[in-house]
Protein backbone atom coordinates (compact mmCIF):
# COMPACT_ATOMS: atom_id res chain seq x y z
CA MET A 1 126.95 110.31 115.60
CA ILE A 2 125.69 109.65 112.12
CA GLY A 3 126.00 106.05 110.96
CA VAL A 4 126.55 104.58 114.45
CA ILE A 5 123.86 102.43 115.99
CA THR A 6 124.15 101.73 119.68
CA ALA A 7 123.32 98.14 120.61
CA GLY A 8 119.75 97.86 121.80
CA LEU A 9 118.74 101.32 120.60
CA PHE A 10 115.99 99.96 118.36
CA SER A 11 115.14 96.91 120.44
CA THR A 12 111.55 96.55 121.59
CA GLY A 13 112.13 93.35 123.50
CA ALA A 14 109.92 91.45 121.08
CA VAL A 15 111.31 88.70 118.92
CA PRO A 16 110.47 89.36 115.24
CA GLU A 17 108.09 86.81 113.76
CA THR A 18 109.39 84.81 110.82
CA ASN A 19 107.40 82.93 108.23
CA SER A 20 104.42 85.29 108.52
CA TYR A 21 103.10 84.18 105.13
CA GLU A 22 102.00 80.61 104.48
CA SER A 23 101.15 79.27 101.05
CA ILE A 24 97.56 78.03 100.80
CA ALA A 25 97.23 77.26 97.07
CA THR A 26 98.73 78.09 93.68
CA VAL A 27 97.06 77.95 90.26
CA THR A 28 98.76 78.07 86.86
CA VAL A 29 96.38 78.46 83.91
CA GLY A 30 96.72 75.71 81.32
CA SER A 31 96.28 75.56 77.57
CA GLY A 32 93.20 77.34 76.26
CA GLY A 33 92.93 79.72 79.20
CA THR A 34 90.02 80.08 81.61
CA SER A 35 87.39 82.64 82.55
CA THR A 36 87.47 81.97 86.31
CA ILE A 37 90.03 81.06 88.96
CA THR A 38 88.57 79.66 92.19
CA PHE A 39 90.14 79.20 95.61
CA SER A 40 87.75 77.24 97.84
CA SER A 41 87.76 75.72 101.33
CA ILE A 42 90.00 78.54 102.56
CA PRO A 43 91.06 77.81 106.15
CA ALA A 44 89.95 80.30 108.80
CA THR A 45 93.27 80.17 110.65
CA TYR A 46 94.86 83.42 109.44
CA LYS A 47 94.37 87.11 110.16
CA HIS A 48 94.47 88.22 106.51
CA LEU A 49 94.89 86.73 103.04
CA GLN A 50 97.11 87.87 100.21
CA LEU A 51 96.68 86.94 96.57
CA ARG A 52 99.61 87.42 94.20
CA ALA A 53 99.12 87.18 90.46
CA SER A 54 101.04 87.41 87.23
CA CYS A 55 98.42 87.27 84.52
CA LYS A 56 97.27 88.46 81.12
CA VAL A 57 94.17 88.01 78.98
CA SER A 58 93.27 87.02 75.46
CA GLY A 59 90.11 87.32 73.38
CA THR A 60 88.10 89.88 71.50
CA ALA A 61 87.22 91.91 74.60
CA ALA A 62 90.88 92.37 75.57
CA ASP A 63 90.52 96.15 75.21
CA PHE A 64 88.48 96.31 78.45
CA PRO A 65 89.43 93.29 80.55
CA ASP A 66 88.47 94.34 84.06
CA PHE A 67 89.49 91.85 86.69
CA MET A 68 86.83 91.09 89.30
CA ILE A 69 86.93 89.37 92.69
CA ARG A 70 83.93 87.57 94.21
CA PHE A 71 83.58 86.20 97.71
CA ASN A 72 81.58 83.07 98.59
CA SER A 73 80.15 82.94 95.03
CA ASP A 74 78.28 86.22 95.60
CA SER A 75 77.67 87.68 92.13
CA THR A 76 75.20 90.39 93.23
CA TYR A 77 76.83 93.49 91.77
CA THR A 78 75.32 95.90 94.32
CA ASN A 79 77.22 94.06 97.09
CA TYR A 80 80.58 95.41 95.89
CA PHE A 81 81.98 98.94 95.94
CA SER A 82 85.36 99.93 94.51
CA HIS A 83 87.72 102.89 94.26
CA GLN A 84 90.67 103.12 91.88
CA LEU A 85 93.64 105.41 91.36
CA GLY A 86 95.98 104.97 88.44
CA GLY A 87 98.34 106.49 85.99
CA ASP A 88 100.50 105.80 82.96
CA GLY A 89 103.34 108.29 83.44
CA SER A 90 101.66 111.11 81.53
CA SER A 91 98.14 111.17 82.98
CA ALA A 92 96.34 110.03 86.09
CA TYR A 93 92.77 109.07 86.94
CA ALA A 94 90.53 108.26 89.89
CA ASN A 95 87.14 106.61 89.90
CA ASN A 96 84.68 104.77 92.06
CA SER A 97 81.81 102.45 91.34
CA ASN A 98 79.19 100.19 92.71
CA SER A 99 80.34 97.88 89.93
CA SER A 100 77.71 97.32 87.25
CA PRO A 101 75.31 94.56 86.25
CA THR A 102 77.99 93.04 84.01
CA ALA A 103 80.71 93.20 86.66
CA THR A 104 79.27 90.82 89.28
CA GLY A 105 82.19 91.32 91.64
CA GLY A 106 84.58 93.83 93.15
CA LEU A 107 86.73 95.60 90.59
CA VAL A 108 90.47 95.10 91.22
CA GLY A 109 91.81 96.66 88.02
CA ASP A 110 92.65 95.76 84.48
CA ILE A 111 94.68 92.91 83.12
CA ASN A 112 96.73 93.84 80.09
CA GLY A 113 96.10 91.87 76.89
CA SER A 114 99.62 92.04 75.51
CA THR A 115 101.88 91.65 78.54
CA PHE A 116 101.65 90.09 81.98
CA THR A 117 100.16 92.23 84.75
CA GLY A 118 101.45 91.91 88.31
CA LYS A 119 98.90 92.12 91.13
CA VAL A 120 99.02 91.94 94.91
CA ILE A 121 95.59 91.81 96.54
CA ASP A 122 95.28 91.99 100.34
CA ILE A 123 92.03 90.60 101.75
CA LEU A 124 91.78 92.06 105.22
CA ASP A 125 90.19 90.41 108.27
CA TYR A 126 88.52 87.83 106.04
CA THR A 127 87.08 85.81 108.97
CA ASN A 128 85.78 88.76 111.01
CA THR A 129 81.97 88.49 111.01
CA ASN A 130 81.52 91.86 112.73
CA LYS A 131 82.43 93.94 109.69
CA ASN A 132 82.39 93.95 105.90
CA THR A 133 85.36 92.49 104.03
CA THR A 134 87.73 94.98 102.40
CA THR A 135 90.55 94.52 99.92
CA ARG A 136 93.40 96.62 98.61
CA THR A 137 95.12 95.95 95.32
CA LEU A 138 98.36 97.18 93.81
CA SER A 139 98.82 96.28 90.16
CA GLY A 140 100.59 97.34 87.03
CA TRP A 141 102.34 96.41 83.84
CA ASP A 142 105.02 97.70 81.55
CA ALA A 143 104.29 97.68 77.82
CA ASN A 144 107.67 98.92 76.65
CA GLY A 145 107.21 102.36 78.19
CA SER A 146 103.42 102.63 77.96
CA GLY A 147 102.31 100.65 81.01
CA GLN A 148 100.20 101.60 83.99
CA ALA A 149 100.22 101.45 87.78
CA ARG A 150 96.97 101.13 89.73
CA PHE A 151 95.74 101.05 93.28
CA ALA A 152 92.24 99.80 94.08
CA SER A 153 90.21 99.20 97.21
CA ASN A 154 87.00 97.20 97.50
CA LEU A 155 84.24 96.67 99.99
CA TRP A 156 82.04 93.58 100.07
CA ILE A 157 78.75 94.43 101.75
CA ASN A 158 78.54 91.19 103.72
CA THR A 159 79.79 90.10 107.12
CA SER A 160 80.21 86.41 106.34
CA ALA A 161 83.65 84.87 106.74
CA VAL A 162 85.30 84.43 103.33
CA THR A 163 85.64 80.74 102.44
CA THR A 164 85.75 80.97 98.63
CA ILE A 165 87.39 83.46 96.27
CA ASP A 166 86.53 83.62 92.56
CA LEU A 167 88.64 85.70 90.18
CA VAL A 168 86.86 86.46 86.93
CA VAL A 169 87.39 88.53 83.82
CA ARG A 170 84.48 90.91 83.39
CA SER A 171 84.35 91.22 79.60
CA SER A 172 83.28 88.06 77.83
CA PRO A 173 84.61 86.33 75.69
CA THR A 174 87.96 87.38 77.15
CA THR A 175 89.81 84.63 79.03
CA ILE A 176 92.71 84.55 81.45
CA SER A 177 95.65 83.42 79.31
CA GLU A 178 97.76 80.30 79.55
CA TYR A 179 100.73 80.55 81.95
CA SER A 180 98.97 83.11 84.16
CA GLN A 181 99.72 82.31 87.80
CA PHE A 182 97.82 82.98 91.02
CA ALA A 183 99.06 82.24 94.52
CA LEU A 184 97.01 82.58 97.71
CA TYR A 185 98.78 83.13 101.04
CA GLY A 186 97.57 83.26 104.63
CA ILE A 187 99.02 86.00 106.82
CA LYS A 188 99.43 85.25 110.51
CA GLY A 189 98.05 87.83 112.93
């Protein structure tokens, strides 16, 4: 019968876990902006991390404000690889990179200079020292009908457990604008 669910039909016997996400830290950018957001002393008690952001940039380089992520203060550009897919409703693109000397981090997409960009960045198995750290990012913004949506993935060529995360704007002298917010969560495994 359509629309009828028999009791127990979808039961697996497992009790669903609640409160899977725990807040670790939140940052709100103050007056004057900043070029870097840092989360340090990250506890190693979670399976994954998730970073949520609502941010925009200001400055003369706002036409190319790539948003970079660095782990454990590693700014060696050849240690990061990225892939991106994106589109604006009328065209799409795909690219990959081993960053560049000016990037010094893993590329997780643009921040818009005129409106706030939403980002969700998953940092997978951040304490596993048997493999490289990977991320996946979903981001986008609406600029009154001309926004974009993007998906990015990154690989950090290092097997160290992640204890510090730096978020930086690639193009100087661009800064992360006042009122931008970043929240780091731990995900239970």
